[in-house]
Amino acid sequence: MTKPEWRKSSRSGDSGGECVEVADNLADRVLVRDTKDREGGTLTFGPESWRAFVTEVARRP
């Protein structure tokens, strides 16, 4: 099984406040977690749902 490769979201700020990490290297899912609470839970998206979410976020100012 492939392990998630976590990276900080490009939309996260540098102030250390609202940061999320994304693991999008898995074939069938995308994982999202809070950088400050990595053990606190993970959101799981299907690839199509993730693309739709990212597209919508990119359209916002």
Protein backbone atom coordinates (compact mmCIF):
# COMPACT_ATOMS: atom_id res chain seq x y z
CA MET A 1 0.00 0.00 0.00
CA THR A 2 1.24 3.47 -0.88
CA LYS A 3 1.79 5.79 2.07
CA PRO A 4 0.38 9.32 1.90
CA GLU A 5 2.92 11.98 0.94
CA TRP A 6 1.77 15.06 2.83
CA ARG A 7 2.41 18.60 1.60
CA LYS A 8 1.25 21.96 2.90
CA SER A 9 -1.54 23.45 0.83
CA SER A 10 -0.50 26.39 -1.34
CA ARG A 11 -3.57 28.23 0.03
CA SER A 12 -2.29 28.00 3.61
CA GLY A 13 -0.82 31.16 5.04
CA ASP A 14 2.66 31.59 6.49
CA SER A 15 1.44 32.92 9.85
CA GLY A 16 1.07 29.43 11.34
CA GLY A 17 -2.67 29.77 11.82
CA GLU A 18 -4.94 28.12 9.28
CA CYS A 19 -2.83 25.45 7.62
CA VAL A 20 -3.90 22.25 5.97
CA GLU A 21 -1.88 19.42 4.51
CA VAL A 22 -2.92 17.44 1.45
CA ALA A 23 -1.87 13.96 0.32
CA ASP A 24 -2.85 13.61 -3.33
CA ASN A 25 -0.42 10.88 -4.34
CA LEU A 26 -2.90 8.05 -3.74
CA ALA A 27 -4.73 6.52 -6.71
CA ASP A 28 -8.28 6.44 -5.33
CA ARG A 29 -8.47 9.20 -2.72
CA VAL A 30 -7.15 12.56 -1.56
CA LEU A 31 -6.52 13.11 2.15
CA VAL A 32 -6.68 16.45 3.99
CA ARG A 33 -5.68 17.17 7.60
CA ASP A 34 -5.03 20.08 9.93
CA THR A 35 -1.30 20.81 10.23
CA LYS A 36 -1.65 21.76 13.90
CA ASP A 37 -3.57 18.58 14.81
CA ARG A 38 -2.27 15.80 12.58
CA GLU A 39 -3.73 13.09 14.82
CA GLY A 40 -7.12 14.82 15.08
CA GLY A 41 -8.67 13.28 12.00
CA THR A 42 -8.44 13.22 8.22
CA LEU A 43 -10.94 14.18 5.56
CA THR A 44 -11.12 11.84 2.58
CA PHE A 45 -12.22 12.92 -0.89
CA GLY A 46 -12.65 10.95 -4.09
CA PRO A 47 -10.46 12.32 -6.90
CA GLU A 48 -13.40 13.83 -8.81
CA SER A 49 -14.83 15.48 -5.69
CA TRP A 50 -11.41 16.89 -4.85
CA ARG A 51 -10.98 18.36 -8.34
CA ALA A 52 -14.42 19.99 -8.08
CA PHE A 53 -13.55 21.43 -4.65
CA VAL A 54 -10.18 22.82 -5.81
CA THR A 55 -11.79 24.31 -8.92
CA GLU A 56 -14.41 26.09 -6.83
CA VAL A 57 -11.85 27.40 -4.31
CA ALA A 58 -9.64 28.71 -7.13
CA ARG A 59 -12.56 30.74 -8.50
CA ARG A 60 -12.94 32.65 -5.23
CA PRO A 61 -10.94 35.80 -4.46
